[in-house]
Amino acid sequence: MRPLAAGPILRFENLTLGYNRHPAVHHLRGEVAAGSLLAIVGPNGAGKSTLLKAIAGELRPLQGRIELIGVQRPQIAYLTQQATLDNSFPIVVHDFVAMGLWREIGAFGGLDRRLRRRIAEAIGGVGLSGLEARPIGALSGGQLQRALFARVMLQDAPLVLLDEPYGAIDAASVRDLAALVRHWHDEGRTVIVVLHDLEHVRQEYPETLLLARELVARGDTASVLSEANLLRARHLAEGRGDETQAAICHADQDVA
């Protein structure tokens, strides 16, 4: 991974991540420039979601560290995969979206007129006006993802992490939410997105990181998503069992 023209917002220093001391990503080095629109791709089990989780501060490194530059972890908006969400929880769209203000107002902060206007604008911005009183359990997959994006909007974060944001949703929602991602990038935010649809990546993302438990390639998307790089990533993923045993980290954990 190489630094871009802008100053970095993230730096990875010999970063190894994993669970129960078994690496899922190992020896990652490099930087992500502030203002990047970066796709992270790779085979299943490549460590893509693990890397986002570590950037968000939900997973400590086994080795090495992640350095945040000019941003603190409370300023990161992190959208996990929709499968991790319990949509049976009894909450309506308005209140669900308003949770994006949690860090700003806390658990017991009230919603004044200004904040209610921001919530309404976020709901309208994702095309859910009129559904404010609908329980989230009654939403379609695309509508629920729109509500999650509205919550991210309210966080107003300089660094946005999205993990498979378009899985199992309709084409219209993908189109609208992709436009919102482009808008965030145009505003100067750093947006890092885990994706599996390579055609979508080629159309929407200028920069890509190809991961297969280690860095395969990083740079402009057309170059990274070459047949040779994709084949190497598949081979690394297929042989990961032996590599995992050989690469188990025995170093002390560092603080990210």
C-alpha atoms as a PDB file:
ATOM      1  CA  MET A   1       0.000   0.000   0.000  1.00  0.00           C
ATOM      2  CA  ARG A   2       1.377   3.393  -0.928  1.00  0.00           C
ATOM      3  CA  PRO A   3       0.440   6.872   0.327  1.00  0.00           C
ATOM      4  CA  LEU A   4      -1.522   9.070  -2.059  1.00  0.00           C
ATOM      5  CA  ALA A   5      -1.037  12.768  -2.769  1.00  0.00           C
ATOM      6  CA  ALA A   6      -3.170  13.879   0.189  1.00  0.00           C
ATOM      7  CA  GLY A   7      -1.988  13.372   3.766  1.00  0.00           C
ATOM      8  CA  PRO A   8      -2.933  10.066   5.362  1.00  0.00           C
ATOM      9  CA  ILE A   9      -5.908   9.558   7.639  1.00  0.00           C
ATOM     10  CA  LEU A  10      -4.961   5.941   8.442  1.00  0.00           C
ATOM     11  CA  ARG A  11      -1.637   4.179   8.736  1.00  0.00           C
ATOM     12  CA  PHE A  12      -1.149   0.418   9.110  1.00  0.00           C
ATOM     13  CA  GLU A  13       2.108  -0.629  10.731  1.00  0.00           C
ATOM     14  CA  ASN A  14       2.860  -4.349  10.347  1.00  0.00           C
ATOM     15  CA  LEU A  15      -0.793  -4.990  11.197  1.00  0.00           C
ATOM     16  CA  THR A  16      -1.895  -8.523  12.027  1.00  0.00           C
ATOM     17  CA  LEU A  17      -5.519  -9.169  12.967  1.00  0.00           C
ATOM     18  CA  GLY A  18      -7.332 -12.296  13.987  1.00  0.00           C
ATOM     19  CA  TYR A  19      -9.365 -14.232  16.503  1.00  0.00           C
ATOM     20  CA  ASN A  20      -8.050 -16.478  19.288  1.00  0.00           C
ATOM     21  CA  ARG A  21      -4.540 -15.622  18.057  1.00  0.00           C
ATOM     22  CA  HIS A  22      -5.232 -17.113  14.610  1.00  0.00           C
ATOM     23  CA  PRO A  23      -4.544 -14.414  11.993  1.00  0.00           C
ATOM     24  CA  ALA A  24      -7.221 -13.352   9.545  1.00  0.00           C
ATOM     25  CA  VAL A  25      -5.100 -10.503   8.112  1.00  0.00           C
ATOM     26  CA  HIS A  26      -1.345 -10.377   8.514  1.00  0.00           C
ATOM     27  CA  HIS A  27       1.563  -7.977   8.061  1.00  0.00           C
ATOM     28  CA  LEU A  28      -0.428  -5.179   6.456  1.00  0.00           C
ATOM     29  CA  ARG A  29       1.543  -1.974   5.967  1.00  0.00           C
ATOM     30  CA  GLY A  30       0.742   1.347   4.335  1.00  0.00           C
ATOM     31  CA  GLU A  31      -1.549   4.349   4.395  1.00  0.00           C
ATOM     32  CA  VAL A  32      -4.986   5.521   3.321  1.00  0.00           C
ATOM     33  CA  ALA A  33      -5.125   9.144   2.201  1.00  0.00           C
ATOM     34  CA  ALA A  34      -7.697  11.527   3.633  1.00  0.00           C
ATOM     35  CA  GLY A  35     -10.537  11.960   1.168  1.00  0.00           C
ATOM     36  CA  SER A  36     -10.072   8.535  -0.422  1.00  0.00           C
ATOM     37  CA  LEU A  37     -12.923   6.539  -1.936  1.00  0.00           C
ATOM     38  CA  LEU A  38     -11.516   3.058  -1.409  1.00  0.00           C
ATOM     39  CA  ALA A  39     -13.050  -0.350  -2.127  1.00  0.00           C
ATOM     40  CA  ILE A  40     -11.796  -3.409  -0.259  1.00  0.00           C
ATOM     41  CA  VAL A  41     -12.356  -6.642  -2.171  1.00  0.00           C
ATOM     42  CA  GLY A  42     -11.215 -10.233  -1.964  1.00  0.00           C
ATOM     43  CA  PRO A  43     -12.416 -13.828  -1.693  1.00  0.00           C
ATOM     44  CA  ASN A  44     -14.665 -15.019   1.119  1.00  0.00           C
ATOM     45  CA  GLY A  45     -12.663 -15.227   4.316  1.00  0.00           C
ATOM     46  CA  ALA A  46     -10.061 -12.769   3.045  1.00  0.00           C
ATOM     47  CA  GLY A  47     -10.246 -10.612   6.184  1.00  0.00           C
ATOM     48  CA  LYS A  48     -12.130  -7.665   4.665  1.00  0.00           C
ATOM     49  CA  SER A  49     -14.714  -7.266   7.427  1.00  0.00           C
ATOM     50  CA  THR A  50     -12.051  -7.973  10.029  1.00  0.00           C
ATOM     51  CA  LEU A  51     -10.023  -5.020   8.770  1.00  0.00           C
ATOM     52  CA  LEU A  52     -13.016  -2.649   9.005  1.00  0.00           C
ATOM     53  CA  LYS A  53     -13.782  -3.893  12.498  1.00  0.00           C
ATOM     54  CA  ALA A  54     -10.220  -3.130  13.571  1.00  0.00           C
ATOM     55  CA  ILE A  55     -10.274   0.358  12.045  1.00  0.00           C
ATOM     56  CA  ALA A  56     -13.503   1.029  13.947  1.00  0.00           C
ATOM     57  CA  GLY A  57     -11.819  -0.058  17.176  1.00  0.00           C
ATOM     58  CA  GLU A  58     -13.912  -3.183  17.734  1.00  0.00           C
ATOM     59  CA  LEU A  59     -10.967  -5.561  17.343  1.00  0.00           C
ATOM     60  CA  ARG A  60      -7.491  -5.226  18.841  1.00  0.00           C
ATOM     61  CA  PRO A  61      -4.498  -6.145  16.688  1.00  0.00           C
ATOM     62  CA  LEU A  62      -2.579  -9.321  17.390  1.00  0.00           C
ATOM     63  CA  GLN A  63       0.499  -7.479  16.219  1.00  0.00           C
ATOM     64  CA  GLY A  64       1.356  -4.023  14.900  1.00  0.00           C
ATOM     65  CA  ARG A  65      -1.021  -1.091  15.040  1.00  0.00           C
ATOM     66  CA  ILE A  66      -3.512   1.146  13.271  1.00  0.00           C
ATOM     67  CA  GLU A  67      -2.742   4.845  13.567  1.00  0.00           C
ATOM     68  CA  LEU A  68      -5.573   7.342  13.123  1.00  0.00           C
ATOM     69  CA  ILE A  69      -4.311  10.704  11.898  1.00  0.00           C
ATOM     70  CA  GLY A  70      -6.410  13.812  12.417  1.00  0.00           C
ATOM     71  CA  VAL A  71      -9.467  11.796  13.440  1.00  0.00           C
ATOM     72  CA  GLN A  72     -10.573  10.007  16.589  1.00  0.00           C
ATOM     73  CA  ARG A  73     -12.583   6.800  16.826  1.00  0.00           C
ATOM     74  CA  PRO A  74     -15.782   8.565  17.955  1.00  0.00           C
ATOM     75  CA  GLN A  75     -15.618  10.401  14.607  1.00  0.00           C
ATOM     76  CA  ILE A  76     -15.860   7.160  12.610  1.00  0.00           C
ATOM     77  CA  ALA A  77     -19.211   6.099  11.163  1.00  0.00           C
ATOM     78  CA  TYR A  78     -19.240   2.300  10.879  1.00  0.00           C
ATOM     79  CA  LEU A  79     -22.031   0.446   9.107  1.00  0.00           C
ATOM     80  CA  THR A  80     -21.837  -3.307   9.665  1.00  0.00           C
ATOM     81  CA  GLN A  81     -23.448  -5.920   7.457  1.00  0.00           C
ATOM     82  CA  GLN A  82     -27.245  -5.881   7.644  1.00  0.00           C
ATOM     83  CA  ALA A  83     -27.221  -9.513   8.792  1.00  0.00           C
ATOM     84  CA  THR A  84     -25.838  -8.348  12.153  1.00  0.00           C
ATOM     85  CA  LEU A  85     -28.929  -6.202  12.800  1.00  0.00           C
ATOM     86  CA  ASP A  86     -31.893  -7.443  14.828  1.00  0.00           C
ATOM     87  CA  ASN A  87     -34.779  -5.882  12.924  1.00  0.00           C
ATOM     88  CA  SER A  88     -37.311  -7.441  15.293  1.00  0.00           C
ATOM     89  CA  PHE A  89     -36.430  -4.789  17.881  1.00  0.00           C
ATOM     90  CA  PRO A  90     -39.547  -2.646  18.455  1.00  0.00           C
ATOM     91  CA  ILE A  91     -38.430   0.720  17.124  1.00  0.00           C
ATOM     92  CA  VAL A  92     -39.831   2.952  14.394  1.00  0.00           C
ATOM     93  CA  VAL A  93     -37.885   4.505  11.530  1.00  0.00           C
ATOM     94  CA  HIS A  94     -37.674   7.988  13.062  1.00  0.00           C
ATOM     95  CA  ASP A  95     -36.188   6.751  16.338  1.00  0.00           C
ATOM     96  CA  PHE A  96     -33.943   4.243  14.585  1.00  0.00           C
ATOM     97  CA  VAL A  97     -32.431   6.945  12.384  1.00  0.00           C
ATOM     98  CA  ALA A  98     -32.156   9.334  15.347  1.00  0.00           C
ATOM     99  CA  MET A  99     -29.703   6.875  16.929  1.00  0.00           C
ATOM    100  CA  GLY A 100     -27.153   8.425  14.578  1.00  0.00           C
ATOM    101  CA  LEU A 101     -27.106  11.370  17.003  1.00  0.00           C
ATOM    102  CA  TRP A 102     -26.105   9.158  19.938  1.00  0.00           C
ATOM    103  CA  ARG A 103     -22.556  10.488  20.255  1.00  0.00           C
ATOM    104  CA  GLU A 104     -23.790  14.058  19.922  1.00  0.00           C
ATOM    105  CA  ILE A 105     -26.609  14.039  22.485  1.00  0.00           C
ATOM    106  CA  GLY A 106     -26.050  10.903  24.581  1.00  0.00           C
ATOM    107  CA  ALA A 107     -28.632   8.492  25.911  1.00  0.00           C
ATOM    108  CA  PHE A 108     -30.798  11.092  27.618  1.00  0.00           C
ATOM    109  CA  GLY A 109     -30.375  14.134  25.393  1.00  0.00           C
ATOM    110  CA  GLY A 110     -33.546  15.667  24.057  1.00  0.00           C
ATOM    111  CA  LEU A 111     -34.365  16.395  20.425  1.00  0.00           C
ATOM    112  CA  ASP A 112     -34.885  20.083  19.835  1.00  0.00           C
ATOM    113  CA  ARG A 113     -36.299  21.582  16.669  1.00  0.00           C
ATOM    114  CA  ARG A 114     -32.891  21.758  15.000  1.00  0.00           C
ATOM    115  CA  LEU A 115     -32.151  18.088  15.627  1.00  0.00           C
ATOM    116  CA  ARG A 116     -35.619  16.998  14.513  1.00  0.00           C
ATOM    117  CA  ARG A 117     -35.067  18.924  11.297  1.00  0.00           C
ATOM    118  CA  ARG A 118     -31.762  17.120  10.752  1.00  0.00           C
ATOM    119  CA  ILE A 119     -33.473  13.762  11.291  1.00  0.00           C
ATOM    120  CA  ALA A 120     -36.218  14.668   8.833  1.00  0.00           C
ATOM    121  CA  GLU A 121     -33.640  15.765   6.266  1.00  0.00           C
ATOM    122  CA  ALA A 122     -31.709  12.512   6.638  1.00  0.00           C
ATOM    123  CA  ILE A 123     -34.866  10.428   6.259  1.00  0.00           C
ATOM    124  CA  GLY A 124     -35.888  12.442   3.227  1.00  0.00           C
ATOM    125  CA  GLY A 125     -32.375  12.237   1.809  1.00  0.00           C
ATOM    126  CA  VAL A 126     -32.615   8.450   1.572  1.00  0.00           C
ATOM    127  CA  GLY A 127     -36.155   8.416   0.195  1.00  0.00           C
ATOM    128  CA  LEU A 128     -38.048   7.305   3.314  1.00  0.00           C
ATOM    129  CA  SER A 129     -40.238  10.370   3.910  1.00  0.00           C
ATOM    130  CA  GLY A 130     -43.668   9.269   5.078  1.00  0.00           C
ATOM    131  CA  LEU A 131     -42.352   6.112   6.748  1.00  0.00           C
ATOM    132  CA  GLU A 132     -41.148   7.741   9.968  1.00  0.00           C
ATOM    133  CA  ALA A 133     -43.684   5.865  12.132  1.00  0.00           C
ATOM    134  CA  ARG A 134     -43.191   2.470  10.477  1.00  0.00           C
ATOM    135  CA  PRO A 135     -41.507  -0.249  12.597  1.00  0.00           C
ATOM    136  CA  ILE A 136     -38.156  -1.270  11.163  1.00  0.00           C
ATOM    137  CA  GLY A 137     -39.342  -4.864  11.132  1.00  0.00           C
ATOM    138  CA  ALA A 138     -41.921  -3.895   8.506  1.00  0.00           C
ATOM    139  CA  LEU A 139     -39.327  -2.444   6.126  1.00  0.00           C
ATOM    140  CA  SER A 140     -38.017  -4.177   3.031  1.00  0.00           C
ATOM    141  CA  GLY A 141     -34.317  -4.932   2.823  1.00  0.00           C
ATOM    142  CA  GLY A 142     -33.714  -1.875   0.671  1.00  0.00           C
ATOM    143  CA  GLN A 143     -35.728   0.384   2.962  1.00  0.00           C
ATOM    144  CA  LEU A 144     -33.864  -0.850   6.029  1.00  0.00           C
ATOM    145  CA  GLN A 145     -30.527  -0.173   4.362  1.00  0.00           C
ATOM    146  CA  ARG A 146     -31.715   3.318   3.467  1.00  0.00           C
ATOM    147  CA  ALA A 147     -32.563   3.887   7.139  1.00  0.00           C
ATOM    148  CA  LEU A 148     -29.079   2.716   8.115  1.00  0.00           C
ATOM    149  CA  PHE A 149     -27.536   5.142   5.623  1.00  0.00           C
ATOM    150  CA  ALA A 150     -29.678   7.947   7.081  1.00  0.00           C
ATOM    151  CA  ARG A 151     -28.258   7.124  10.497  1.00  0.00           C
ATOM    152  CA  VAL A 152     -24.734   7.375   9.070  1.00  0.00           C
ATOM    153  CA  MET A 153     -25.651  10.759   7.571  1.00  0.00           C
ATOM    154  CA  LEU A 154     -26.538  12.079  11.027  1.00  0.00           C
ATOM    155  CA  GLN A 155     -23.154  11.039  12.405  1.00  0.00           C
ATOM    156  CA  ASP A 156     -21.548  13.570  10.036  1.00  0.00           C
ATOM    157  CA  ALA A 157     -18.270  11.643  10.252  1.00  0.00           C
ATOM    158  CA  PRO A 158     -15.038  12.431   8.377  1.00  0.00           C
ATOM    159  CA  LEU A 159     -14.316   8.695   8.083  1.00  0.00           C
ATOM    160  CA  VAL A 160     -17.070   6.332   6.896  1.00  0.00           C
ATOM    161  CA  LEU A 161     -16.731   2.530   6.915  1.00  0.00           C
ATOM    162  CA  LEU A 162     -19.336   0.448   5.084  1.00  0.00           C
ATOM    163  CA  ASP A 163     -19.328  -3.352   5.193  1.00  0.00           C
ATOM    164  CA  GLU A 164     -21.157  -4.944   2.233  1.00  0.00           C
ATOM    165  CA  PRO A 165     -23.755  -2.148   2.133  1.00  0.00           C
ATOM    166  CA  TYR A 166     -25.587  -3.464  -0.966  1.00  0.00           C
ATOM    167  CA  GLY A 167     -26.106  -7.093  -0.079  1.00  0.00           C
ATOM    168  CA  ALA A 168     -29.615  -8.442  -0.795  1.00  0.00           C
ATOM    169  CA  ILE A 169     -31.228  -5.106  -1.645  1.00  0.00           C
ATOM    170  CA  ASP A 170     -33.046  -3.938  -4.768  1.00  0.00           C
ATOM    171  CA  ALA A 171     -31.330  -2.279  -7.717  1.00  0.00           C
ATOM    172  CA  ALA A 172     -33.016   1.095  -7.114  1.00  0.00           C
ATOM    173  CA  SER A 173     -31.692   1.201  -3.551  1.00  0.00           C
ATOM    174  CA  VAL A 174     -28.202   0.270  -4.730  1.00  0.00           C
ATOM    175  CA  ARG A 175     -28.319   3.113  -7.257  1.00  0.00           C
ATOM    176  CA  ASP A 176     -29.564   5.684  -4.755  1.00  0.00           C
ATOM    177  CA  LEU A 177     -27.207   4.671  -1.964  1.00  0.00           C
ATOM    178  CA  ALA A 178     -24.221   4.565  -4.313  1.00  0.00           C
ATOM    179  CA  ALA A 179     -25.048   8.154  -5.271  1.00  0.00           C
ATOM    180  CA  LEU A 180     -25.016   9.042  -1.576  1.00  0.00           C
ATOM    181  CA  VAL A 181     -21.560   7.458  -1.193  1.00  0.00           C
ATOM    182  CA  ARG A 182     -20.313   9.565  -4.113  1.00  0.00           C
ATOM    183  CA  HIS A 183     -21.790  12.645  -2.429  1.00  0.00           C
ATOM    184  CA  TRP A 184     -19.950  11.877   0.824  1.00  0.00           C
ATOM    185  CA  HIS A 185     -16.727  11.528  -1.134  1.00  0.00           C
ATOM    186  CA  ASP A 186     -17.379  14.810  -2.951  1.00  0.00           C
ATOM    187  CA  GLU A 187     -17.742  16.468   0.466  1.00  0.00           C
ATOM    188  CA  GLY A 188     -14.179  15.393   1.273  1.00  0.00           C
ATOM    189  CA  ARG A 189     -14.980  12.487   3.563  1.00  0.00           C
ATOM    190  CA  THR A 190     -12.865   9.345   3.511  1.00  0.00           C
ATOM    191  CA  VAL A 191     -15.083   6.404   2.540  1.00  0.00           C
ATOM    192  CA  ILE A 192     -13.865   2.799   2.790  1.00  0.00           C
ATOM    193  CA  VAL A 193     -16.274   0.133   1.560  1.00  0.00           C
ATOM    194  CA  VAL A 194     -16.092  -3.671   1.575  1.00  0.00           C
ATOM    195  CA  LEU A 195     -17.708  -4.979  -1.606  1.00  0.00           C
ATOM    196  CA  HIS A 196     -18.036  -8.201  -3.556  1.00  0.00           C
ATOM    197  CA  ASP A 197     -19.512  -6.918  -6.841  1.00  0.00           C
ATOM    198  CA  LEU A 198     -16.404  -6.240  -8.905  1.00  0.00           C
ATOM    199  CA  GLU A 199     -18.320  -4.611 -11.742  1.00  0.00           C
ATOM    200  CA  HIS A 200     -19.784  -2.108  -9.287  1.00  0.00           C
ATOM    201  CA  VAL A 201     -16.275  -1.474  -7.935  1.00  0.00           C
ATOM    202  CA  ARG A 202     -14.948  -0.846 -11.446  1.00  0.00           C
ATOM    203  CA  GLN A 203     -17.741   1.651 -12.131  1.00  0.00           C
ATOM    204  CA  GLU A 204     -17.765   3.530  -8.815  1.00  0.00           C
ATOM    205  CA  TYR A 205     -14.387   3.293  -7.065  1.00  0.00           C
ATOM    206  CA  PRO A 206     -11.173   4.915  -8.282  1.00  0.00           C
ATOM    207  CA  GLU A 207      -9.034   2.995  -5.820  1.00  0.00           C
ATOM    208  CA  THR A 208      -9.130  -0.608  -4.634  1.00  0.00           C
ATOM    209  CA  LEU A 209      -7.366  -2.774  -2.081  1.00  0.00           C
ATOM    210  CA  LEU A 210      -7.354  -6.498  -2.930  1.00  0.00           C
ATOM    211  CA  LEU A 211      -7.005  -8.612   0.180  1.00  0.00           C
ATOM    212  CA  ALA A 212      -6.582 -12.365   0.637  1.00  0.00           C
ATOM    213  CA  ARG A 213      -5.515 -12.478   4.281  1.00  0.00           C
ATOM    214  CA  GLU A 214      -2.544 -10.451   3.099  1.00  0.00           C
ATOM    215  CA  LEU A 215      -2.222  -7.576   0.686  1.00  0.00           C
ATOM    216  CA  VAL A 216      -2.412  -8.747  -2.931  1.00  0.00           C
ATOM    217  CA  ALA A 217      -2.555  -5.351  -4.656  1.00  0.00           C
ATOM    218  CA  ARG A 218      -3.450  -1.734  -3.946  1.00  0.00           C
ATOM    219  CA  GLY A 219      -3.874   1.191  -6.329  1.00  0.00           C
ATOM    220  CA  ASP A 220      -6.087   2.309  -9.196  1.00  0.00           C
ATOM    221  CA  THR A 221      -8.990  -0.067  -9.608  1.00  0.00           C
ATOM    222  CA  ALA A 222      -8.354  -1.119 -13.206  1.00  0.00           C
ATOM    223  CA  SER A 223      -4.815  -2.216 -12.379  1.00  0.00           C
ATOM    224  CA  VAL A 224      -5.692  -3.932  -9.112  1.00  0.00           C
ATOM    225  CA  LEU A 225      -8.572  -5.956 -10.556  1.00  0.00           C
ATOM    226  CA  SER A 226      -6.439  -7.620 -13.195  1.00  0.00           C
ATOM    227  CA  GLU A 227      -6.932 -11.305 -13.939  1.00  0.00           C
ATOM    228  CA  ALA A 228      -3.472 -12.062 -12.580  1.00  0.00           C
ATOM    229  CA  ASN A 229      -4.185 -10.349  -9.253  1.00  0.00           C
ATOM    230  CA  LEU A 230      -7.611 -11.959  -8.890  1.00  0.00           C
ATOM    231  CA  LEU A 231      -6.136 -15.384  -9.638  1.00  0.00           C
ATOM    232  CA  ARG A 232      -3.413 -14.858  -7.033  1.00  0.00           C
ATOM    233  CA  ALA A 233      -6.027 -13.829  -4.480  1.00  0.00           C
ATOM    234  CA  ARG A 234      -8.032 -16.991  -5.166  1.00  0.00           C
ATOM    235  CA  HIS A 235      -4.926 -19.160  -4.800  1.00  0.00           C
ATOM    236  CA  LEU A 236      -4.012 -17.512  -1.510  1.00  0.00           C
ATOM    237  CA  ALA A 237      -7.549 -18.026  -0.213  1.00  0.00           C
ATOM    238  CA  GLU A 238      -7.601 -21.691  -1.252  1.00  0.00           C
ATOM    239  CA  GLY A 239      -4.313 -22.350   0.517  1.00  0.00           C
ATOM    240  CA  ARG A 240      -5.098 -20.391   3.645  1.00  0.00           C
ATOM    241  CA  GLY A 241      -5.324 -23.402   5.993  1.00  0.00           C
ATOM    242  CA  ASP A 242      -1.593 -24.155   5.877  1.00  0.00           C
ATOM    243  CA  GLU A 243      -0.706 -20.466   5.898  1.00  0.00           C
ATOM    244  CA  THR A 244      -2.803 -19.868   8.981  1.00  0.00           C
ATOM    245  CA  GLN A 245      -0.954 -22.503  10.970  1.00  0.00           C
ATOM    246  CA  ALA A 246       2.400 -21.168   9.823  1.00  0.00           C
ATOM    247  CA  ALA A 247       1.531 -17.557  10.533  1.00  0.00           C
ATOM    248  CA  ILE A 248       0.027 -17.809  14.011  1.00  0.00           C
ATOM    249  CA  CYS A 249       1.165 -14.725  15.876  1.00  0.00           C
ATOM    250  CA  HIS A 250       2.812 -15.130  19.266  1.00  0.00           C
ATOM    251  CA  ALA A 251       3.656 -11.449  19.804  1.00  0.00           C
ATOM    252  CA  ASP A 252       1.997  -9.389  22.529  1.00  0.00           C
ATOM    253  CA  GLN A 253      -1.047  -7.427  21.485  1.00  0.00           C
ATOM    254  CA  ASP A 254      -0.546  -3.739  20.799  1.00  0.00           C
ATOM    255  CA  VAL A 255      -3.116  -1.045  21.397  1.00  0.00           C
ATOM    256  CA  ALA A 256      -4.628   0.094  18.069  1.00  0.00           C
END
